[in-house]
N, C-alpha and C. Protein backbone atom coordinates (compact mmCIF):
# COMPACT_ATOMS: atom_id res chain seq x y z
N UNK A 1 -194.87 -89.38 -62.50
CA UNK A 1 -195.18 -90.40 -61.54
C UNK A 1 -196.50 -90.90 -61.86
N UNK A 2 -196.58 -92.16 -62.09
CA UNK A 2 -197.74 -93.09 -62.39
C UNK A 2 -198.71 -93.08 -61.55
N UNK A 3 -200.01 -93.40 -62.16
CA UNK A 3 -201.13 -93.78 -61.03
C UNK A 3 -200.92 -94.50 -60.08
N UNK A 4 -200.22 -95.77 -60.36
CA UNK A 4 -199.96 -96.59 -59.40
C UNK A 4 -199.25 -96.13 -58.22
N UNK A 5 -198.09 -95.49 -58.58
CA UNK A 5 -197.09 -94.90 -57.46
C UNK A 5 -197.92 -93.66 -56.86
N UNK A 6 -198.75 -92.99 -57.57
CA UNK A 6 -199.56 -91.79 -56.65
C UNK A 6 -200.32 -92.53 -55.78
N UNK A 7 -201.20 -93.67 -56.01
CA UNK A 7 -202.05 -94.21 -55.32
C UNK A 7 -201.31 -94.76 -54.04
N UNK A 8 -200.22 -95.39 -54.47
CA UNK A 8 -199.29 -96.13 -53.24
C UNK A 8 -198.84 -94.77 -52.29
N UNK A 9 -198.40 -93.76 -53.00
CA UNK A 9 -198.12 -92.51 -52.30
C UNK A 9 -199.23 -91.99 -51.20
N UNK A 10 -200.51 -91.88 -51.95
CA UNK A 10 -201.49 -91.47 -51.24
C UNK A 10 -202.06 -92.16 -50.36
N UNK A 11 -202.15 -93.57 -50.42
CA UNK A 11 -202.65 -94.54 -49.53
C UNK A 11 -201.44 -95.06 -48.65
N UNK A 12 -200.48 -95.50 -49.18
CA UNK A 12 -199.36 -96.19 -48.46
C UNK A 12 -198.41 -95.30 -47.94
N UNK A 13 -198.31 -94.07 -48.18
CA UNK A 13 -197.35 -93.24 -47.47
C UNK A 13 -197.41 -93.46 -46.03
N UNK A 14 -198.67 -93.45 -45.57
CA UNK A 14 -199.22 -93.83 -44.31
C UNK A 14 -198.42 -95.08 -43.74
N UNK A 15 -198.12 -95.77 -44.72
CA UNK A 15 -197.56 -97.23 -44.43
C UNK A 15 -195.99 -97.00 -44.17
N UNK A 16 -195.36 -95.90 -44.51
CA UNK A 16 -194.05 -95.55 -44.32
C UNK A 16 -193.89 -95.87 -42.72
N UNK A 17 -194.40 -95.02 -42.06
CA UNK A 17 -194.19 -95.27 -40.73
C UNK A 17 -194.97 -96.30 -39.99
N UNK A 18 -196.14 -96.67 -40.56
CA UNK A 18 -196.92 -97.97 -40.34
C UNK A 18 -196.14 -99.21 -40.36
N UNK A 19 -195.51 -99.34 -41.71
CA UNK A 19 -194.67 -100.67 -41.69
C UNK A 19 -193.57 -100.77 -40.77
N UNK A 20 -193.13 -99.56 -40.09
CA UNK A 20 -192.03 -99.82 -39.31
C UNK A 20 -192.58 -100.54 -38.17
N UNK A 21 -193.81 -100.59 -37.79
CA UNK A 21 -194.45 -101.23 -36.78
C UNK A 21 -195.45 -102.65 -37.40
N UNK A 22 -195.41 -102.50 -38.49
CA UNK A 22 -196.30 -103.43 -39.35
C UNK A 22 -197.88 -103.02 -39.03
N UNK A 23 -198.76 -103.69 -39.57
CA UNK A 23 -199.92 -103.32 -39.59
C UNK A 23 -200.67 -103.09 -38.25
N UNK A 24 -201.25 -101.93 -38.23
CA UNK A 24 -201.84 -101.53 -36.67
C UNK A 24 -203.19 -101.16 -37.21
N UNK A 25 -204.30 -101.55 -36.56
CA UNK A 25 -205.85 -100.98 -36.90
C UNK A 25 -206.73 -101.41 -35.73
N UNK A 26 -208.19 -100.81 -36.00
CA UNK A 26 -209.03 -101.35 -35.24
C UNK A 26 -209.52 -102.65 -35.82
N UNK A 27 -209.62 -103.52 -34.79
CA UNK A 27 -209.80 -104.88 -35.02
C UNK A 27 -211.07 -105.44 -34.32
N UNK A 28 -211.50 -106.44 -34.56
CA UNK A 28 -212.80 -107.13 -33.67
C UNK A 28 -212.37 -107.14 -32.24
N UNK A 29 -213.14 -107.40 -31.42
CA UNK A 29 -213.17 -107.43 -30.00
C UNK A 29 -212.32 -108.36 -29.51
N UNK A 30 -211.91 -109.50 -30.21
CA UNK A 30 -211.17 -110.52 -29.73
C UNK A 30 -209.51 -110.24 -29.94
N UNK A 31 -209.39 -109.13 -30.67
CA UNK A 31 -207.84 -108.61 -30.86
C UNK A 31 -207.45 -108.02 -29.83
N UNK A 32 -206.24 -108.21 -29.46
CA UNK A 32 -205.62 -107.40 -28.18
C UNK A 32 -204.63 -106.46 -28.72
N UNK A 33 -204.64 -105.20 -28.11
CA UNK A 33 -203.66 -104.23 -28.27
C UNK A 33 -202.14 -104.59 -27.62
N UNK A 34 -201.08 -104.55 -28.74
CA UNK A 34 -199.91 -105.15 -28.25
C UNK A 34 -199.06 -103.80 -28.38
N UNK A 35 -199.27 -102.98 -28.93
CA UNK A 35 -198.59 -101.68 -28.97
C UNK A 35 -199.40 -100.39 -29.44
N UNK A 36 -199.05 -99.30 -28.65
CA UNK A 36 -199.66 -97.99 -28.72
C UNK A 36 -198.59 -97.00 -28.37
N UNK A 37 -198.22 -96.25 -29.60
CA UNK A 37 -197.40 -95.14 -29.44
C UNK A 37 -197.53 -94.01 -30.38
N UNK A 38 -196.91 -92.61 -29.64
CA UNK A 38 -197.04 -91.59 -30.57
C UNK A 38 -195.77 -91.44 -31.35
N UNK A 39 -195.64 -90.96 -32.56
CA UNK A 39 -194.51 -90.92 -33.35
C UNK A 39 -194.29 -89.43 -33.78
N UNK A 40 -193.26 -89.14 -34.00
CA UNK A 40 -192.80 -87.95 -34.72
C UNK A 40 -191.45 -88.01 -35.29
N UNK A 41 -191.08 -87.84 -36.35
CA UNK A 41 -189.87 -87.84 -37.00
C UNK A 41 -189.79 -87.01 -38.49
N UNK A 42 -188.67 -86.37 -38.73
CA UNK A 42 -188.33 -85.67 -39.71
C UNK A 42 -187.20 -86.22 -40.82
N UNK A 43 -187.44 -86.13 -41.94
CA UNK A 43 -186.25 -86.83 -42.79
C UNK A 43 -186.26 -85.94 -44.12
N UNK A 44 -185.02 -86.00 -44.92
CA UNK A 44 -184.89 -85.40 -46.14
C UNK A 44 -184.49 -86.30 -47.04
N UNK A 45 -185.20 -86.10 -48.17
CA UNK A 45 -184.76 -87.34 -49.41
C UNK A 45 -184.94 -86.45 -50.67
N UNK A 46 -184.68 -87.26 -51.77
CA UNK A 46 -184.83 -86.85 -53.03
C UNK A 46 -185.78 -87.47 -54.25
N UNK A 47 -186.20 -86.95 -55.07
CA UNK A 47 -187.09 -87.49 -55.97
C UNK A 47 -187.24 -86.65 -57.27
N UNK A 48 -187.63 -87.43 -58.28
CA UNK A 48 -187.78 -86.88 -59.56
C UNK A 48 -189.38 -87.04 -59.71
N UNK A 49 -190.07 -85.72 -59.87
CA UNK A 49 -191.51 -85.67 -60.19
C UNK A 49 -191.80 -84.49 -61.29
N UNK A 50 -192.51 -85.07 -62.42
CA UNK A 50 -192.87 -84.17 -63.33
C UNK A 50 -191.57 -83.36 -63.75
N UNK A 51 -190.76 -84.08 -64.05
CA UNK A 51 -189.27 -83.65 -64.61
C UNK A 51 -188.44 -82.73 -63.94
N UNK A 52 -188.62 -82.65 -62.61
CA UNK A 52 -187.97 -81.87 -61.80
C UNK A 52 -187.31 -82.69 -60.77
N UNK A 53 -185.97 -82.45 -60.41
CA UNK A 53 -185.22 -83.01 -59.33
C UNK A 53 -185.58 -82.42 -58.13
N UNK A 54 -186.29 -82.97 -57.00
CA UNK A 54 -186.81 -82.21 -56.01
C UNK A 54 -186.05 -83.07 -54.65
N UNK A 55 -185.71 -81.80 -53.81
CA UNK A 55 -185.35 -82.16 -52.30
C UNK A 55 -186.74 -82.12 -51.66
N UNK A 56 -186.93 -83.17 -50.82
CA UNK A 56 -188.22 -83.28 -50.18
C UNK A 56 -187.88 -83.50 -48.76
N UNK A 57 -188.59 -82.42 -47.86
CA UNK A 57 -188.30 -82.28 -46.55
C UNK A 57 -189.56 -82.90 -45.77
N UNK A 58 -189.51 -83.84 -45.14
CA UNK A 58 -190.76 -84.41 -44.58
C UNK A 58 -190.92 -84.25 -43.05
N UNK A 59 -192.03 -83.93 -42.56
CA UNK A 59 -192.39 -83.97 -41.16
C UNK A 59 -193.49 -84.92 -40.90
N UNK A 60 -193.50 -85.98 -39.98
CA UNK A 60 -194.55 -86.90 -40.07
C UNK A 60 -194.77 -87.11 -38.45
N UNK A 61 -195.90 -87.10 -38.07
CA UNK A 61 -196.31 -87.41 -36.54
C UNK A 61 -197.62 -88.01 -36.36
N UNK A 62 -198.02 -88.91 -35.30
CA UNK A 62 -199.22 -89.29 -35.36
C UNK A 62 -199.29 -90.24 -34.12
N UNK A 63 -200.31 -91.07 -34.04
CA UNK A 63 -200.45 -92.12 -32.99
C UNK A 63 -200.70 -93.46 -33.93
N UNK A 64 -200.08 -94.62 -33.32
CA UNK A 64 -200.14 -95.73 -34.07
C UNK A 64 -200.60 -96.77 -32.94
N UNK A 65 -201.44 -97.86 -33.29
CA UNK A 65 -201.62 -98.81 -32.35
C UNK A 65 -201.67 -100.11 -33.21
N UNK A 66 -201.14 -101.18 -32.46
CA UNK A 66 -201.03 -102.52 -33.22
C UNK A 66 -201.83 -103.34 -32.46
N UNK A 67 -202.49 -104.19 -33.04
CA UNK A 67 -203.47 -105.40 -32.36
C UNK A 67 -203.07 -106.52 -32.93
N UNK A 68 -203.07 -107.49 -32.07
CA UNK A 68 -202.70 -109.09 -32.70
C UNK A 68 -204.21 -109.55 -32.71
N UNK A 69 -204.40 -110.32 -33.54
CA UNK A 69 -205.35 -111.23 -33.85
C UNK A 69 -205.39 -112.54 -33.37
N UNK A 70 -206.30 -113.30 -33.21
CA UNK A 70 -206.16 -114.67 -32.94
C UNK A 70 -205.39 -115.51 -34.18
N UNK A 71 -204.39 -116.19 -33.96
CA UNK A 71 -203.59 -116.75 -35.00
C UNK A 71 -202.36 -115.90 -35.08
N UNK A 72 -201.91 -114.89 -34.60
CA UNK A 72 -200.97 -114.18 -34.51
C UNK A 72 -200.70 -113.16 -35.44
N UNK A 73 -201.88 -112.71 -36.34
CA UNK A 73 -201.80 -111.79 -37.31
C UNK A 73 -202.04 -110.30 -36.88
N UNK A 74 -201.19 -109.58 -37.18
CA UNK A 74 -201.18 -108.11 -36.82
C UNK A 74 -202.13 -107.29 -37.72
N UNK A 75 -202.87 -106.19 -37.13
CA UNK A 75 -203.56 -105.09 -37.79
C UNK A 75 -203.03 -103.73 -37.41
N UNK A 76 -203.11 -102.78 -38.08
CA UNK A 76 -202.56 -101.49 -38.05
C UNK A 76 -203.73 -100.46 -37.80
N UNK A 77 -203.43 -99.37 -37.06
CA UNK A 77 -204.35 -98.32 -36.88
C UNK A 77 -203.44 -97.03 -36.91
N UNK A 78 -203.35 -96.12 -37.62
CA UNK A 78 -202.32 -94.94 -37.71
C UNK A 78 -203.18 -93.74 -38.05
N UNK A 79 -203.23 -92.77 -36.93
CA UNK A 79 -203.83 -91.41 -37.17
C UNK A 79 -202.64 -90.66 -37.34
N UNK A 80 -202.38 -90.26 -38.71
CA UNK A 80 -201.07 -89.56 -39.13
C UNK A 80 -201.46 -87.97 -39.58
N UNK A 81 -200.34 -87.60 -39.49
CA UNK A 81 -200.07 -86.19 -40.20
C UNK A 81 -198.87 -86.01 -41.01
N UNK A 82 -198.70 -85.68 -42.13
CA UNK A 82 -197.38 -85.84 -42.96
C UNK A 82 -197.49 -84.35 -43.55
N UNK A 83 -196.36 -83.80 -43.55
CA UNK A 83 -196.26 -82.55 -44.06
C UNK A 83 -194.75 -82.49 -44.84
N UNK A 84 -194.80 -82.34 -46.43
CA UNK A 84 -193.90 -82.33 -47.14
C UNK A 84 -193.58 -81.06 -47.82
N UNK A 85 -192.33 -80.58 -47.78
CA UNK A 85 -192.02 -79.30 -48.65
C UNK A 85 -191.15 -79.95 -49.68
N UNK A 86 -191.56 -79.70 -50.98
CA UNK A 86 -190.73 -80.09 -52.13
C UNK A 86 -190.22 -78.79 -52.94
N UNK A 87 -188.82 -78.94 -53.09
CA UNK A 87 -188.13 -77.99 -53.77
C UNK A 87 -187.09 -78.19 -54.49
N UNK A 88 -187.10 -77.54 -55.83
CA UNK A 88 -186.03 -77.81 -56.74
C UNK A 88 -184.65 -77.03 -56.34
N UNK A 89 -183.75 -76.99 -57.37
CA UNK A 89 -182.46 -76.51 -57.37
C UNK A 89 -182.56 -74.87 -57.32
N UNK A 90 -183.59 -74.52 -58.21
CA UNK A 90 -184.02 -72.98 -58.21
C UNK A 90 -184.70 -72.35 -57.13
N UNK A 91 -185.17 -73.33 -56.20
CA UNK A 91 -185.97 -72.83 -55.13
C UNK A 91 -187.38 -72.85 -55.31
N UNK A 92 -187.76 -73.30 -56.32
CA UNK A 92 -189.30 -73.43 -56.58
C UNK A 92 -189.70 -74.51 -56.00
N UNK A 93 -190.86 -74.71 -55.44
CA UNK A 93 -191.44 -75.67 -54.99
C UNK A 93 -193.04 -75.82 -54.63
N UNK A 94 -193.56 -76.63 -53.88
CA UNK A 94 -194.70 -76.72 -53.46
C UNK A 94 -194.96 -77.78 -52.26
N UNK A 95 -195.90 -77.70 -51.56
CA UNK A 95 -196.29 -78.58 -50.26
C UNK A 95 -197.12 -79.55 -50.64
N UNK A 96 -197.11 -80.77 -50.04
CA UNK A 96 -198.07 -81.81 -49.74
C UNK A 96 -198.48 -82.27 -48.33
N UNK A 97 -199.59 -82.18 -48.20
CA UNK A 97 -200.20 -82.34 -46.75
C UNK A 97 -200.86 -83.70 -46.81
N UNK A 98 -200.77 -84.60 -45.70
CA UNK A 98 -201.52 -85.86 -45.61
C UNK A 98 -201.84 -85.86 -44.23
N UNK A 99 -203.22 -85.82 -44.03
CA UNK A 99 -203.88 -85.80 -42.64
C UNK A 99 -205.05 -86.87 -42.53
N UNK A 100 -204.83 -87.93 -41.96
CA UNK A 100 -205.89 -89.12 -41.92
C UNK A 100 -205.88 -90.08 -40.97
N UNK A 101 -206.63 -90.90 -41.16
CA UNK A 101 -206.61 -92.12 -40.48
C UNK A 101 -206.79 -93.33 -41.12
N UNK A 102 -205.78 -94.20 -41.02
CA UNK A 102 -205.38 -95.44 -41.81
C UNK A 102 -205.89 -96.61 -40.78
N UNK A 103 -206.85 -97.66 -41.37
CA UNK A 103 -207.13 -98.42 -40.26
C UNK A 103 -207.42 -99.93 -41.24
N UNK A 104 -206.71 -100.83 -40.79
CA UNK A 104 -206.85 -102.11 -41.31
C UNK A 104 -208.06 -102.95 -40.72
N UNK A 105 -209.07 -103.08 -41.51
CA UNK A 105 -210.28 -103.67 -40.87
C UNK A 105 -210.65 -104.94 -40.79
N UNK A 106 -209.89 -105.69 -41.81
CA UNK A 106 -210.03 -107.11 -41.90
C UNK A 106 -209.05 -107.69 -42.54
N UNK A 107 -208.64 -109.03 -42.13
CA UNK A 107 -207.58 -109.83 -42.68
C UNK A 107 -208.41 -111.27 -43.02
N UNK A 108 -208.08 -111.86 -44.01
CA UNK A 108 -208.57 -112.91 -44.41
C UNK A 108 -207.59 -114.00 -45.24
N UNK A 109 -207.26 -115.06 -44.77
CA UNK A 109 -206.44 -116.07 -45.44
C UNK A 109 -206.67 -116.23 -47.07
N UNK A 110 -205.73 -115.99 -47.72
CA UNK A 110 -205.90 -116.04 -49.20
C UNK A 110 -205.65 -117.42 -49.62
N UNK A 111 -204.20 -117.80 -49.36
CA UNK A 111 -203.61 -119.12 -49.65
C UNK A 111 -202.27 -119.23 -49.13
N UNK A 112 -201.64 -120.43 -48.95
CA UNK A 112 -200.51 -120.63 -48.33
C UNK A 112 -200.11 -119.79 -47.31
N UNK A 113 -199.15 -118.96 -47.31
CA UNK A 113 -198.78 -118.01 -46.01
C UNK A 113 -199.30 -116.70 -46.59
N UNK A 114 -200.10 -116.44 -47.49
CA UNK A 114 -200.63 -115.13 -47.95
C UNK A 114 -201.89 -114.91 -47.25
N UNK A 115 -202.10 -113.54 -46.71
CA UNK A 115 -203.17 -113.13 -46.18
C UNK A 115 -203.70 -111.93 -46.98
N UNK A 116 -204.92 -111.60 -47.10
CA UNK A 116 -205.37 -110.43 -47.78
C UNK A 116 -205.91 -109.47 -46.87
N UNK A 117 -205.46 -108.26 -46.69
CA UNK A 117 -205.90 -107.12 -45.81
C UNK A 117 -206.73 -106.16 -46.46
N UNK A 118 -207.69 -105.77 -45.79
CA UNK A 118 -208.64 -104.86 -46.23
C UNK A 118 -208.52 -103.64 -45.41
N UNK A 119 -208.32 -102.33 -45.75
CA UNK A 119 -207.95 -101.04 -45.09
C UNK A 119 -208.74 -99.93 -45.67
N UNK A 120 -208.98 -99.17 -44.82
CA UNK A 120 -209.58 -97.77 -45.26
C UNK A 120 -208.62 -96.65 -44.77
N UNK A 121 -208.71 -95.74 -45.59
CA UNK A 121 -207.94 -94.30 -45.27
C UNK A 121 -208.79 -93.13 -45.46
N UNK A 122 -209.10 -92.52 -44.42
CA UNK A 122 -209.97 -91.37 -44.37
C UNK A 122 -209.25 -89.89 -44.06
N UNK A 123 -209.87 -89.04 -44.30
CA UNK A 123 -209.48 -87.79 -44.14
C UNK A 123 -209.08 -86.79 -45.27
N UNK A 124 -208.32 -85.87 -45.00
CA UNK A 124 -207.80 -85.18 -46.09
C UNK A 124 -206.21 -85.62 -46.33
N UNK A 125 -206.37 -86.96 -47.30
CA UNK A 125 -205.48 -87.63 -47.49
C UNK A 125 -204.24 -87.43 -48.40
N UNK A 126 -204.58 -86.17 -49.16
CA UNK A 126 -203.52 -85.65 -50.23
C UNK A 126 -203.88 -84.24 -50.42
N UNK A 127 -203.24 -83.40 -49.89
CA UNK A 127 -203.52 -81.97 -50.60
C UNK A 127 -202.35 -81.23 -51.01
N UNK A 128 -202.32 -81.01 -52.19
CA UNK A 128 -201.27 -80.19 -52.78
C UNK A 128 -201.63 -78.73 -52.76
N UNK A 129 -200.25 -77.95 -52.20
CA UNK A 129 -200.39 -76.58 -51.67
C UNK A 129 -199.30 -75.68 -52.55
N UNK A 130 -199.31 -74.32 -52.39
CA UNK A 130 -198.59 -73.70 -52.78
C UNK A 130 -197.60 -73.40 -51.74
N UNK A 131 -196.33 -73.03 -51.93
CA UNK A 131 -195.52 -72.63 -50.84
C UNK A 131 -196.09 -71.70 -49.76
N UNK A 132 -197.08 -70.83 -50.14
CA UNK A 132 -197.69 -69.91 -49.35
C UNK A 132 -198.96 -70.47 -48.54
N UNK A 133 -199.07 -71.99 -48.81
CA UNK A 133 -200.11 -72.73 -48.06
C UNK A 133 -201.40 -72.73 -48.81
N UNK A 134 -201.64 -72.23 -49.90
CA UNK A 134 -203.03 -71.99 -50.55
C UNK A 134 -203.22 -73.47 -51.19
N UNK A 135 -204.29 -74.18 -51.08
CA UNK A 135 -204.54 -75.63 -51.56
C UNK A 135 -205.07 -75.34 -52.76
N UNK A 136 -204.08 -76.29 -53.71
CA UNK A 136 -204.57 -76.20 -55.24
C UNK A 136 -205.41 -77.32 -55.52
N UNK A 137 -205.18 -78.53 -54.91
CA UNK A 137 -206.07 -79.63 -55.13
C UNK A 137 -206.11 -80.52 -53.82
N UNK A 138 -207.30 -80.88 -53.29
CA UNK A 138 -207.48 -81.65 -52.27
C UNK A 138 -208.18 -83.06 -52.57
N UNK A 139 -207.63 -83.98 -52.02
CA UNK A 139 -208.04 -85.43 -52.09
C UNK A 139 -208.53 -85.88 -50.85
N UNK A 140 -209.94 -85.84 -50.46
CA UNK A 140 -210.52 -86.16 -49.00
C UNK A 140 -211.66 -87.16 -49.45
N UNK A 141 -212.09 -87.76 -48.10
CA UNK A 141 -212.90 -88.79 -48.16
C UNK A 141 -212.40 -89.88 -47.68
N UNK A 142 -212.97 -91.22 -48.27
CA UNK A 142 -212.44 -92.36 -47.79
C UNK A 142 -212.08 -93.15 -48.94
N UNK A 143 -211.03 -93.87 -48.81
CA UNK A 143 -210.55 -95.10 -49.89
C UNK A 143 -210.39 -96.31 -49.14
N UNK A 144 -210.94 -97.29 -49.78
CA UNK A 144 -210.81 -98.66 -49.24
C UNK A 144 -209.85 -99.42 -50.08
N UNK A 145 -208.94 -100.07 -49.83
CA UNK A 145 -207.85 -100.84 -50.59
C UNK A 145 -207.84 -102.33 -49.98
N UNK A 146 -207.38 -103.04 -50.82
CA UNK A 146 -206.99 -104.39 -50.47
C UNK A 146 -205.55 -104.68 -50.88
N UNK A 147 -204.76 -105.62 -49.98
CA UNK A 147 -203.34 -105.98 -50.57
C UNK A 147 -203.07 -107.28 -49.86
N UNK A 148 -201.96 -107.76 -50.48
CA UNK A 148 -201.50 -109.16 -49.76
C UNK A 148 -200.25 -109.03 -48.99
N UNK A 149 -200.22 -109.81 -47.87
CA UNK A 149 -198.96 -109.90 -47.01
C UNK A 149 -198.87 -111.25 -46.84
N UNK A 150 -197.41 -111.66 -46.94
CA UNK A 150 -196.90 -113.04 -46.71
C UNK A 150 -196.26 -113.01 -45.49
N UNK A 151 -196.78 -113.84 -44.44
CA UNK A 151 -196.36 -113.92 -43.39
C UNK A 151 -195.14 -114.89 -43.13
N UNK A 152 -194.75 -115.47 -44.13
CA UNK A 152 -193.57 -116.38 -44.27
C UNK A 152 -193.82 -117.64 -43.42
N UNK A 153 -195.09 -117.97 -43.11
CA UNK A 153 -195.44 -119.00 -42.17
C UNK A 153 -195.18 -118.88 -40.84
N UNK A 154 -194.72 -117.73 -40.38
CA UNK A 154 -194.66 -117.77 -38.80
C UNK A 154 -195.19 -116.62 -38.11
N UNK A 155 -195.21 -116.19 -36.95
CA UNK A 155 -195.89 -115.41 -36.14
C UNK A 155 -195.19 -113.94 -35.98
N UNK A 156 -193.87 -113.93 -36.63
CA UNK A 156 -193.18 -112.66 -36.44
C UNK A 156 -193.53 -111.59 -37.29
N UNK A 157 -194.26 -110.55 -36.91
CA UNK A 157 -194.63 -109.43 -37.83
C UNK A 157 -193.31 -108.72 -38.56
N UNK A 158 -192.13 -108.88 -37.97
CA UNK A 158 -191.07 -107.92 -38.27
C UNK A 158 -190.43 -108.50 -39.79
N UNK A 159 -190.81 -109.67 -39.98
CA UNK A 159 -190.25 -110.34 -41.39
C UNK A 159 -191.28 -110.60 -42.45
N UNK A 160 -192.75 -110.12 -42.12
CA UNK A 160 -193.91 -110.31 -43.23
C UNK A 160 -193.45 -109.41 -44.36
N UNK A 161 -193.92 -109.88 -45.41
CA UNK A 161 -193.69 -109.10 -46.65
C UNK A 161 -194.82 -108.65 -47.19
N UNK A 162 -194.83 -107.32 -47.36
CA UNK A 162 -195.87 -106.38 -47.98
C UNK A 162 -195.91 -106.49 -49.60
N UNK A 163 -196.63 -107.04 -50.06
CA UNK A 163 -196.78 -106.89 -51.58
C UNK A 163 -197.32 -105.76 -52.25
N UNK A 164 -196.50 -104.88 -52.37
CA UNK A 164 -197.00 -103.58 -52.79
C UNK A 164 -197.68 -103.81 -54.10
N UNK A 165 -197.37 -104.61 -55.21
CA UNK A 165 -197.85 -104.65 -56.45
C UNK A 165 -199.35 -105.22 -56.45
N UNK A 166 -199.81 -105.70 -55.07
CA UNK A 166 -201.13 -106.36 -55.17
C UNK A 166 -202.23 -105.38 -54.59
N UNK A 167 -201.66 -104.01 -54.34
CA UNK A 167 -202.80 -103.06 -53.79
C UNK A 167 -203.99 -102.73 -54.89
N UNK A 168 -205.07 -102.83 -54.53
CA UNK A 168 -206.27 -102.62 -55.43
C UNK A 168 -207.26 -101.58 -54.69
N UNK A 169 -207.88 -100.67 -55.20
CA UNK A 169 -208.74 -99.72 -54.96
C UNK A 169 -210.07 -100.40 -54.78
N UNK A 170 -210.73 -100.61 -53.89
CA UNK A 170 -212.19 -101.23 -53.78
C UNK A 170 -213.15 -100.19 -53.88
N UNK A 171 -213.07 -99.08 -52.84
CA UNK A 171 -213.99 -98.06 -53.00
C UNK A 171 -213.44 -96.74 -52.84
N UNK A 172 -214.18 -95.75 -53.50
CA UNK A 172 -213.60 -94.33 -53.28
C UNK A 172 -214.67 -93.65 -52.89
N UNK A 173 -214.80 -92.78 -52.04
CA UNK A 173 -215.98 -92.16 -51.58
C UNK A 173 -215.31 -90.88 -51.27
N UNK A 174 -215.94 -89.81 -51.66
CA UNK A 174 -215.51 -88.17 -51.63
C UNK A 174 -214.77 -87.72 -52.99
N UNK A 175 -213.73 -87.05 -52.77
CA UNK A 175 -213.06 -86.36 -53.99
C UNK A 175 -211.72 -86.76 -53.68
N UNK A 176 -211.08 -87.74 -54.80
CA UNK A 176 -209.70 -88.18 -55.01
C UNK A 176 -209.46 -88.01 -56.40
N UNK A 177 -209.29 -86.74 -56.83
CA UNK A 177 -208.91 -86.58 -58.42
C UNK A 177 -207.32 -87.28 -58.64
N UNK A 178 -206.52 -87.28 -57.67
CA UNK A 178 -205.36 -87.99 -57.73
C UNK A 178 -205.35 -89.53 -58.42
N UNK A 179 -206.40 -90.15 -57.92
CA UNK A 179 -206.66 -91.32 -58.46
C UNK A 179 -206.68 -91.46 -59.90
N UNK A 180 -207.54 -90.85 -60.44
CA UNK A 180 -207.96 -90.80 -61.90
C UNK A 180 -207.11 -89.98 -62.79
N UNK A 181 -206.36 -88.97 -62.20
CA UNK A 181 -205.26 -88.07 -63.08
C UNK A 181 -204.33 -88.95 -63.97
N UNK A 182 -204.31 -88.24 -65.42
CA UNK A 182 -202.93 -88.78 -65.95
C UNK A 182 -202.01 -88.13 -65.35
N UNK A 183 -200.63 -88.50 -65.98
CA UNK A 183 -199.42 -87.91 -65.46
C UNK A 183 -199.32 -86.31 -65.86
N UNK A 184 -199.96 -86.06 -67.11
CA UNK A 184 -200.00 -84.54 -67.60
C UNK A 184 -200.77 -83.81 -66.73
N UNK A 185 -202.11 -84.20 -66.32
CA UNK A 185 -202.92 -83.60 -65.31
C UNK A 185 -202.08 -83.35 -63.91
N UNK A 186 -201.57 -84.56 -63.57
CA UNK A 186 -200.94 -84.31 -62.16
C UNK A 186 -200.02 -83.32 -62.43
N UNK A 187 -199.17 -83.44 -63.18
CA UNK A 187 -198.09 -82.30 -63.29
C UNK A 187 -198.68 -80.71 -63.69
N UNK A 188 -199.71 -80.80 -64.11
CA UNK A 188 -200.31 -79.50 -64.46
C UNK A 188 -200.79 -78.73 -63.04
N UNK A 189 -201.36 -79.83 -62.08
CA UNK A 189 -201.59 -79.34 -60.80
C UNK A 189 -200.39 -78.91 -60.08
N UNK A 190 -199.25 -79.76 -60.16
CA UNK A 190 -197.73 -79.37 -59.59
C UNK A 190 -197.49 -77.98 -60.18
N UNK A 191 -197.51 -77.79 -61.33
CA UNK A 191 -197.01 -76.52 -61.96
C UNK A 191 -198.00 -75.33 -61.50
N UNK A 192 -199.31 -75.70 -61.39
CA UNK A 192 -200.13 -74.58 -60.74
C UNK A 192 -199.66 -74.14 -59.21
N UNK A 193 -199.42 -75.29 -58.58
CA UNK A 193 -198.90 -74.96 -57.25
C UNK A 193 -197.42 -74.31 -57.05
N UNK A 194 -196.57 -74.49 -58.01
CA UNK A 194 -195.23 -74.01 -58.06
C UNK A 194 -195.40 -72.33 -58.48
N UNK A 195 -196.37 -72.21 -59.49
CA UNK A 195 -196.51 -70.88 -59.90
C UNK A 195 -197.16 -70.00 -58.72
N UNK A 196 -198.04 -70.56 -57.97
CA UNK A 196 -198.81 -69.96 -57.06
C UNK A 196 -200.09 -69.41 -57.43
């Protein structure tokens, strides 16, 4: 798993649920709340990480709020809790917990139909644990990112295009070893979690 995909998983995993509603966040006073809801769901998927084919059982819950800004742009607020149990065919595995607050704090026109969003993600944003629950690596604090969204020139947020390859880490406060780890270092942490 490359650094970019780990950063995306750490910061943008919250966007999995968030993207379903599109950007929700704390916005200036002139923004108005258009949606607020509690969510909870589970899923089962598969991925390959550190040479292992894994089954990923995910439980996600939280509270999301969408605000619309003047001009029809939406921002997102997501107080999330994600619990993933990753297991290989031999029954070996580990846990990833993510608990934080994702907030899109600023939107600026970039060019044409592109807008640059600035967001912060705070909390225990990515904790790797043994199957018994012991923390092996904690990523906590604040991450500030920017990314581009193409509105396609209309005010319908359901067809906005989030440009994943434009994510940039602007600020990192706290301890986020995940961001700077090499693949080998990340896999060593995963192996440590599997071994308990």
